[in-house]
Amino acid sequence: MEVIRLEFKSEIKEKILEVLSSFSSDELKIVEEITFFDPDFEENKKKLNTTYAKIKNGTAKFYTLEEVDAMLEETISKYEN
């Protein structure tokens, strides 16, 4: 199967779905993207892909729970005043 992405005004969604529903499920599968809930979806996706690539190639920096706790305590103490 091939994949295409359609962008359309919400007013015509019903018409588009009506036309597409004339095809069988073997011919066409409708997959709705949920990007409208997160306006930063594409940016977040790029960041996650970059981080994943660093993990795969071994260049990612990992921290123990104790190290994270110390960093959080230091950050909190800066803003306690």
PDB file of N, CA and C in Angstrom:
ATOM      1  N   MET A   1       0.834  -1.183   0.000  1.00  0.00           N
ATOM      2  CA  MET A   1       0.000   0.000   0.000  1.00  0.00           C
ATOM      3  C   MET A   1       0.879   1.247   0.000  1.00  0.00           C
ATOM      4  N   GLU A   2       0.373   2.301  -0.556  1.00  0.00           N
ATOM      5  CA  GLU A   2       1.043   3.594  -0.532  1.00  0.00           C
ATOM      6  C   GLU A   2       0.403   4.469   0.529  1.00  0.00           C
ATOM      7  N   VAL A   3       1.145   5.473   0.965  1.00  0.00           N
ATOM      8  CA  VAL A   3       0.630   6.385   1.977  1.00  0.00           C
ATOM      9  C   VAL A   3       0.720   7.803   1.441  1.00  0.00           C
ATOM     10  N   ILE A   4      -0.365   8.553   1.598  1.00  0.00           N
ATOM     11  CA  ILE A   4      -0.352   9.973   1.280  1.00  0.00           C
ATOM     12  C   ILE A   4      -0.919  10.725   2.482  1.00  0.00           C
ATOM     13  N   ARG A   5      -0.570  11.968   2.588  1.00  0.00           N
ATOM     14  CA  ARG A   5      -1.083  12.796   3.675  1.00  0.00           C
ATOM     15  C   ARG A   5      -1.904  13.923   3.067  1.00  0.00           C
ATOM     16  N   LEU A   6      -3.109  14.093   3.564  1.00  0.00           N
ATOM     17  CA  LEU A   6      -3.996  15.139   3.076  1.00  0.00           C
ATOM     18  C   LEU A   6      -4.165  16.198   4.152  1.00  0.00           C
ATOM     19  N   GLU A   7      -4.118  17.448   3.748  1.00  0.00           N
ATOM     20  CA  GLU A   7      -4.447  18.543   4.655  1.00  0.00           C
ATOM     21  C   GLU A   7      -5.653  19.248   4.060  1.00  0.00           C
ATOM     22  N   PHE A   8      -6.661  19.478   4.896  1.00  0.00           N
ATOM     23  CA  PHE A   8      -7.904  20.058   4.391  1.00  0.00           C
ATOM     24  C   PHE A   8      -8.571  20.851   5.502  1.00  0.00           C
ATOM     25  N   LYS A   9      -9.479  21.706   5.095  1.00  0.00           N
ATOM     26  CA  LYS A   9     -10.261  22.464   6.070  1.00  0.00           C
ATOM     27  C   LYS A   9     -11.240  21.523   6.749  1.00  0.00           C
ATOM     28  N   SER A  10     -11.465  21.741   8.025  1.00  0.00           N
ATOM     29  CA  SER A  10     -12.320  20.828   8.791  1.00  0.00           C
ATOM     30  C   SER A  10     -13.742  20.763   8.248  1.00  0.00           C
ATOM     31  N   GLU A  11     -14.173  21.810   7.544  1.00  0.00           N
ATOM     32  CA  GLU A  11     -15.534  21.832   7.004  1.00  0.00           C
ATOM     33  C   GLU A  11     -15.775  20.746   5.947  1.00  0.00           C
ATOM     34  N   ILE A  12     -14.730  20.297   5.284  1.00  0.00           N
ATOM     35  CA  ILE A  12     -14.927  19.317   4.212  1.00  0.00           C
ATOM     36  C   ILE A  12     -14.566  17.892   4.630  1.00  0.00           C
ATOM     37  N   LYS A  13     -14.213  17.700   5.890  1.00  0.00           N
ATOM     38  CA  LYS A  13     -13.815  16.365   6.349  1.00  0.00           C
ATOM     39  C   LYS A  13     -14.902  15.329   6.091  1.00  0.00           C
ATOM     40  N   GLU A  14     -16.131  15.674   6.403  1.00  0.00           N
ATOM     41  CA  GLU A  14     -17.243  14.733   6.222  1.00  0.00           C
ATOM     42  C   GLU A  14     -17.368  14.307   4.760  1.00  0.00           C
ATOM     43  N   LYS A  15     -17.225  15.252   3.829  1.00  0.00           N
ATOM     44  CA  LYS A  15     -17.313  14.936   2.400  1.00  0.00           C
ATOM     45  C   LYS A  15     -16.175  14.014   1.980  1.00  0.00           C
ATOM     46  N   ILE A  16     -14.996  14.305   2.461  1.00  0.00           N
ATOM     47  CA  ILE A  16     -13.836  13.471   2.102  1.00  0.00           C
ATOM     48  C   ILE A  16     -14.031  12.051   2.623  1.00  0.00           C
ATOM     49  N   LEU A  17     -14.445  11.930   3.876  1.00  0.00           N
ATOM     50  CA  LEU A  17     -14.653  10.599   4.443  1.00  0.00           C
ATOM     51  C   LEU A  17     -15.764   9.845   3.721  1.00  0.00           C
ATOM     52  N   GLU A  18     -16.757  10.561   3.272  1.00  0.00           N
ATOM     53  CA  GLU A  18     -17.849   9.933   2.520  1.00  0.00           C
ATOM     54  C   GLU A  18     -17.327   9.323   1.222  1.00  0.00           C
ATOM     55  N   VAL A  19     -16.508  10.062   0.513  1.00  0.00           N
ATOM     56  CA  VAL A  19     -15.925   9.555  -0.738  1.00  0.00           C
ATOM     57  C   VAL A  19     -15.007   8.372  -0.454  1.00  0.00           C
ATOM     58  N   LEU A  20     -14.163   8.509   0.564  1.00  0.00           N
ATOM     59  CA  LEU A  20     -13.211   7.449   0.871  1.00  0.00           C
ATOM     60  C   LEU A  20     -13.887   6.184   1.382  1.00  0.00           C
ATOM     61  N   SER A  21     -15.027   6.330   2.010  1.00  0.00           N
ATOM     62  CA  SER A  21     -15.722   5.154   2.548  1.00  0.00           C
ATOM     63  C   SER A  21     -16.291   4.249   1.459  1.00  0.00           C
ATOM     64  N   SER A  22     -16.293   4.713   0.229  1.00  0.00           N
ATOM     65  CA  SER A  22     -16.780   3.872  -0.862  1.00  0.00           C
ATOM     66  C   SER A  22     -15.773   2.768  -1.224  1.00  0.00           C
ATOM     67  N   PHE A  23     -14.549   2.865  -0.728  1.00  0.00           N
ATOM     68  CA  PHE A  23     -13.532   1.846  -0.975  1.00  0.00           C
ATOM     69  C   PHE A  23     -13.581   0.789   0.119  1.00  0.00           C
ATOM     70  N   SER A  24     -13.207  -0.430  -0.229  1.00  0.00           N
ATOM     71  CA  SER A  24     -13.178  -1.511   0.762  1.00  0.00           C
ATOM     72  C   SER A  24     -11.971  -1.344   1.678  1.00  0.00           C
ATOM     73  N   SER A  25     -12.004  -2.037   2.818  1.00  0.00           N
ATOM     74  CA  SER A  25     -10.885  -1.951   3.763  1.00  0.00           C
ATOM     75  C   SER A  25      -9.617  -2.589   3.196  1.00  0.00           C
ATOM     76  N   ASP A  26      -9.768  -3.458   2.193  1.00  0.00           N
ATOM     77  CA  ASP A  26      -8.593  -4.021   1.519  1.00  0.00           C
ATOM     78  C   ASP A  26      -7.934  -2.998   0.607  1.00  0.00           C
ATOM     79  N   GLU A  27      -8.727  -2.066   0.102  1.00  0.00           N
ATOM     80  CA  GLU A  27      -8.223  -1.057  -0.830  1.00  0.00           C
ATOM     81  C   GLU A  27      -7.698   0.192  -0.122  1.00  0.00           C
ATOM     82  N   LEU A  28      -8.309   0.524   1.012  1.00  0.00           N
ATOM     83  CA  LEU A  28      -8.002   1.797   1.658  1.00  0.00           C
ATOM     84  C   LEU A  28      -8.119   1.676   3.163  1.00  0.00           C
ATOM     85  N   LYS A  29      -7.121   2.191   3.851  1.00  0.00           N
ATOM     86  CA  LYS A  29      -7.153   2.242   5.304  1.00  0.00           C
ATOM     87  C   LYS A  29      -6.972   3.707   5.710  1.00  0.00           C
ATOM     88  N   ILE A  30      -7.879   4.222   6.503  1.00  0.00           N
ATOM     89  CA  ILE A  30      -7.804   5.616   6.939  1.00  0.00           C
ATOM     90  C   ILE A  30      -7.123   5.654   8.306  1.00  0.00           C
ATOM     91  N   VAL A  31      -6.013   6.371   8.374  1.00  0.00           N
ATOM     92  CA  VAL A  31      -5.261   6.510   9.613  1.00  0.00           C
ATOM     93  C   VAL A  31      -5.204   7.991   9.947  1.00  0.00           C
ATOM     94  N   GLU A  32      -5.862   8.372  11.024  1.00  0.00           N
ATOM     95  CA  GLU A  32      -5.874   9.778  11.407  1.00  0.00           C
ATOM     96  C   GLU A  32      -4.647  10.085  12.257  1.00  0.00           C
ATOM     97  N   GLU A  33      -3.982  11.185  11.957  1.00  0.00           N
ATOM     98  CA  GLU A  33      -2.851  11.630  12.753  1.00  0.00           C
ATOM     99  C   GLU A  33      -3.372  12.479  13.900  1.00  0.00           C
ATOM    100  N   ILE A  34      -2.682  12.416  15.009  1.00  0.00           N
ATOM    101  CA  ILE A  34      -3.138  13.133  16.193  1.00  0.00           C
ATOM    102  C   ILE A  34      -2.263  14.365  16.454  1.00  0.00           C
ATOM    103  N   THR A  35      -1.633  14.876  15.439  1.00  0.00           N
ATOM    104  CA  THR A  35      -0.725  16.002  15.623  1.00  0.00           C
ATOM    105  C   THR A  35      -1.438  17.273  16.051  1.00  0.00           C
ATOM    106  N   PHE A  36      -2.740  17.379  15.811  1.00  0.00           N
ATOM    107  CA  PHE A  36      -3.433  18.607  16.169  1.00  0.00           C
ATOM    108  C   PHE A  36      -3.509  18.807  17.678  1.00  0.00           C
ATOM    109  N   PHE A  37      -3.312  17.754  18.470  1.00  0.00           N
ATOM    110  CA  PHE A  37      -3.292  17.917  19.920  1.00  0.00           C
ATOM    111  C   PHE A  37      -1.981  18.528  20.386  1.00  0.00           C
ATOM    112  N   ASP A  38      -0.948  18.365  19.629  1.00  0.00           N
ATOM    113  CA  ASP A  38       0.363  18.876  20.006  1.00  0.00           C
ATOM    114  C   ASP A  38       0.919  19.723  18.868  1.00  0.00           C
ATOM    115  N   PRO A  39       0.836  21.043  18.987  1.00  0.00           N
ATOM    116  CA  PRO A  39       1.319  21.902  17.898  1.00  0.00           C
ATOM    117  C   PRO A  39       2.823  21.783  17.664  1.00  0.00           C
ATOM    118  N   ASP A  40       3.549  21.223  18.633  1.00  0.00           N
ATOM    119  CA  ASP A  40       5.006  21.064  18.509  1.00  0.00           C
ATOM    120  C   ASP A  40       5.388  19.641  18.130  1.00  0.00           C
ATOM    121  N   PHE A  41       4.439  18.886  17.599  1.00  0.00           N
ATOM    122  CA  PHE A  41       4.670  17.475  17.302  1.00  0.00           C
ATOM    123  C   PHE A  41       5.911  17.248  16.441  1.00  0.00           C
ATOM    124  N   GLU A  42       6.009  17.952  15.325  1.00  0.00           N
ATOM    125  CA  GLU A  42       7.133  17.729  14.407  1.00  0.00           C
ATOM    126  C   GLU A  42       8.471  18.075  15.066  1.00  0.00           C
ATOM    127  N   GLU A  43       8.500  19.159  15.821  1.00  0.00           N
ATOM    128  CA  GLU A  43       9.733  19.547  16.520  1.00  0.00           C
ATOM    129  C   GLU A  43      10.110  18.499  17.570  1.00  0.00           C
ATOM    130  N   ASN A  44       9.123  18.042  18.335  1.00  0.00           N
ATOM    131  CA  ASN A  44       9.378  17.008  19.341  1.00  0.00           C
ATOM    132  C   ASN A  44       9.830  15.705  18.698  1.00  0.00           C
ATOM    133  N   LYS A  45       9.256  15.377  17.570  1.00  0.00           N
ATOM    134  CA  LYS A  45       9.636  14.157  16.849  1.00  0.00           C
ATOM    135  C   LYS A  45      11.102  14.224  16.430  1.00  0.00           C
ATOM    136  N   LYS A  46      11.537  15.382  15.930  1.00  0.00           N
ATOM    137  CA  LYS A  46      12.940  15.545  15.533  1.00  0.00           C
ATOM    138  C   LYS A  46      13.869  15.389  16.727  1.00  0.00           C
ATOM    139  N   LYS A  47      13.491  15.991  17.864  1.00  0.00           N
ATOM    140  CA  LYS A  47      14.316  15.888  19.075  1.00  0.00           C
ATOM    141  C   LYS A  47      14.421  14.434  19.535  1.00  0.00           C
ATOM    142  N   LEU A  48      13.296  13.730  19.516  1.00  0.00           N
ATOM    143  CA  LEU A  48      13.307  12.326  19.930  1.00  0.00           C
ATOM    144  C   LEU A  48      14.143  11.466  18.993  1.00  0.00           C
ATOM    145  N   ASN A  49      14.036  11.716  17.704  1.00  0.00           N
ATOM    146  CA  ASN A  49      14.844  10.967  16.737  1.00  0.00           C
ATOM    147  C   ASN A  49      16.329  11.237  16.934  1.00  0.00           C
ATOM    148  N   THR A  50      16.679  12.492  17.239  1.00  0.00           N
ATOM    149  CA  THR A  50      18.084  12.843  17.497  1.00  0.00           C
ATOM    150  C   THR A  50      18.586  12.127  18.744  1.00  0.00           C
ATOM    151  N   THR A  51      17.778  12.138  19.801  1.00  0.00           N
ATOM    152  CA  THR A  51      18.155  11.470  21.047  1.00  0.00           C
ATOM    153  C   THR A  51      18.278   9.965  20.837  1.00  0.00           C
ATOM    154  N   TYR A  52      17.343   9.395  20.105  1.00  0.00           N
ATOM    155  CA  TYR A  52      17.393   7.957  19.818  1.00  0.00           C
ATOM    156  C   TYR A  52      18.657   7.599  19.039  1.00  0.00           C
ATOM    157  N   ALA A  53      19.023   8.436  18.081  1.00  0.00           N
ATOM    158  CA  ALA A  53      20.243   8.189  17.306  1.00  0.00           C
ATOM    159  C   ALA A  53      21.472   8.214  18.215  1.00  0.00           C
ATOM    160  N   LYS A  54      21.505   9.142  19.186  1.00  0.00           N
ATOM    161  CA  LYS A  54      22.632   9.204  20.132  1.00  0.00           C
ATOM    162  C   LYS A  54      22.688   7.958  20.998  1.00  0.00           C
ATOM    163  N   ILE A  55      21.533   7.457  21.395  1.00  0.00           N
ATOM    164  CA  ILE A  55      21.491   6.229  22.195  1.00  0.00           C
ATOM    165  C   ILE A  55      22.022   5.060  21.372  1.00  0.00           C
ATOM    166  N   LYS A  56      21.573   4.969  20.129  1.00  0.00           N
ATOM    167  CA  LYS A  56      22.004   3.856  19.267  1.00  0.00           C
ATOM    168  C   LYS A  56      23.496   3.892  18.974  1.00  0.00           C
ATOM    169  N   ASN A  57      24.051   5.108  18.755  1.00  0.00           N
ATOM    170  CA  ASN A  57      25.471   5.166  18.392  1.00  0.00           C
ATOM    171  C   ASN A  57      26.396   5.296  19.596  1.00  0.00           C
ATOM    172  N   GLY A  58      25.821   5.303  20.810  1.00  0.00           N
ATOM    173  CA  GLY A  58      26.637   5.281  22.019  1.00  0.00           C
ATOM    174  C   GLY A  58      27.131   6.628  22.502  1.00  0.00           C
ATOM    175  N   THR A  59      26.634   7.721  21.963  1.00  0.00           N
ATOM    176  CA  THR A  59      27.105   9.044  22.383  1.00  0.00           C
ATOM    177  C   THR A  59      26.178   9.726  23.392  1.00  0.00           C
ATOM    178  N   ALA A  60      25.101   9.055  23.787  1.00  0.00           N
ATOM    179  CA  ALA A  60      24.160   9.638  24.750  1.00  0.00           C
ATOM    180  C   ALA A  60      24.767   9.619  26.147  1.00  0.00           C
ATOM    181  N   LYS A  61      24.431  10.637  26.945  1.00  0.00           N
ATOM    182  CA  LYS A  61      24.898  10.710  28.331  1.00  0.00           C
ATOM    183  C   LYS A  61      23.789  10.195  29.238  1.00  0.00           C
ATOM    184  N   PHE A  62      24.097   9.222  30.070  1.00  0.00           N
ATOM    185  CA  PHE A  62      23.134   8.654  30.998  1.00  0.00           C
ATOM    186  C   PHE A  62      23.511   9.038  32.420  1.00  0.00           C
ATOM    187  N   TYR A  63      22.515   9.130  33.297  1.00  0.00           N
ATOM    188  CA  TYR A  63      22.725   9.504  34.691  1.00  0.00           C
ATOM    189  C   TYR A  63      22.107   8.449  35.601  1.00  0.00           C
ATOM    190  N   THR A  64      22.722   8.252  36.761  1.00  0.00           N
ATOM    191  CA  THR A  64      22.130   7.374  37.766  1.00  0.00           C
ATOM    192  C   THR A  64      21.052   8.161  38.502  1.00  0.00           C
ATOM    193  N   LEU A  65      20.223   7.453  39.252  1.00  0.00           N
ATOM    194  CA  LEU A  65      19.195   8.124  40.038  1.00  0.00           C
ATOM    195  C   LEU A  65      19.821   9.070  41.065  1.00  0.00           C
ATOM    196  N   GLU A  66      20.949   8.673  41.628  1.00  0.00           N
ATOM    197  CA  GLU A  66      21.629   9.515  42.610  1.00  0.00           C
ATOM    198  C   GLU A  66      22.124  10.815  41.966  1.00  0.00           C
ATOM    199  N   GLU A  67      22.654  10.720  40.739  1.00  0.00           N
ATOM    200  CA  GLU A  67      23.123  11.909  40.032  1.00  0.00           C
ATOM    201  C   GLU A  67      21.963  12.849  39.705  1.00  0.00           C
ATOM    202  N   VAL A  68      20.862  12.291  39.273  1.00  0.00           N
ATOM    203  CA  VAL A  68      19.687  13.105  38.955  1.00  0.00           C
ATOM    204  C   VAL A  68      19.163  13.770  40.229  1.00  0.00           C
ATOM    205  N   ASP A  69      19.112  13.021  41.322  1.00  0.00           N
ATOM    206  CA  ASP A  69      18.658  13.573  42.588  1.00  0.00           C
ATOM    207  C   ASP A  69      19.541  14.747  43.019  1.00  0.00           C
ATOM    208  N   ALA A  70      20.848  14.607  42.878  1.00  0.00           N
ATOM    209  CA  ALA A  70      21.769  15.687  43.247  1.00  0.00           C
ATOM    210  C   ALA A  70      21.553  16.907  42.358  1.00  0.00           C
ATOM    211  N   MET A  71      21.342  16.701  41.054  1.00  0.00           N
ATOM    212  CA  MET A  71      21.096  17.827  40.139  1.00  0.00           C
ATOM    213  C   MET A  71      19.793  18.538  40.502  1.00  0.00           C
ATOM    214  N   LEU A  72      18.755  17.772  40.817  1.00  0.00           N
ATOM    215  CA  LEU A  72      17.477  18.367  41.199  1.00  0.00           C
ATOM    216  C   LEU A  72      17.595  19.149  42.502  1.00  0.00           C
ATOM    217  N   GLU A  73      18.288  18.583  43.487  1.00  0.00           N
ATOM    218  CA  GLU A  73      18.489  19.279  44.760  1.00  0.00           C
ATOM    219  C   GLU A  73      19.228  20.600  44.546  1.00  0.00           C
ATOM    220  N   GLU A  74      20.243  20.576  43.693  1.00  0.00           N
ATOM    221  CA  GLU A  74      21.010  21.795  43.400  1.00  0.00           C
ATOM    222  C   GLU A  74      20.113  22.845  42.729  1.00  0.00           C
ATOM    223  N   THR A  75      19.311  22.408  41.779  1.00  0.00           N
ATOM    224  CA  THR A  75      18.404  23.342  41.069  1.00  0.00           C
ATOM    225  C   THR A  75      17.366  23.910  42.034  1.00  0.00           C
ATOM    226  N   ILE A  76      16.795  23.060  42.864  1.00  0.00           N
ATOM    227  CA  ILE A  76      15.790  23.514  43.831  1.00  0.00           C
ATOM    228  C   ILE A  76      16.378  24.514  44.801  1.00  0.00           C
ATOM    229  N   SER A  77      17.595  24.243  45.278  1.00  0.00           N
ATOM    230  CA  SER A  77      18.217  25.149  46.258  1.00  0.00           C
ATOM    231  C   SER A  77      18.489  26.525  45.665  1.00  0.00           C
ATOM    232  N   LYS A  78      18.704  26.614  44.355  1.00  0.00           N
ATOM    233  CA  LYS A  78      18.918  27.914  43.702  1.00  0.00           C
ATOM    234  C   LYS A  78      17.674  28.787  43.785  1.00  0.00           C
ATOM    235  N   TYR A  79      16.503  28.181  43.755  1.00  0.00           N
ATOM    236  CA  TYR A  79      15.253  28.933  43.672  1.00  0.00           C
ATOM    237  C   TYR A  79      14.468  28.956  44.979  1.00  0.00           C
ATOM    238  N   GLU A  80      15.019  28.406  46.059  1.00  0.00           N
ATOM    239  CA  GLU A  80      14.316  28.378  47.325  1.00  0.00           C
ATOM    240  C   GLU A  80      14.199  29.758  47.976  1.00  0.00           C
ATOM    241  N   ASN A  81      15.113  30.632  47.707  1.00  0.00           N
ATOM    242  CA  ASN A  81      15.119  31.954  48.348  1.00  0.00           C
ATOM    243  C   ASN A  81      14.012  32.731  47.837  1.00  0.00           C
TER     244      ASN A  81
END
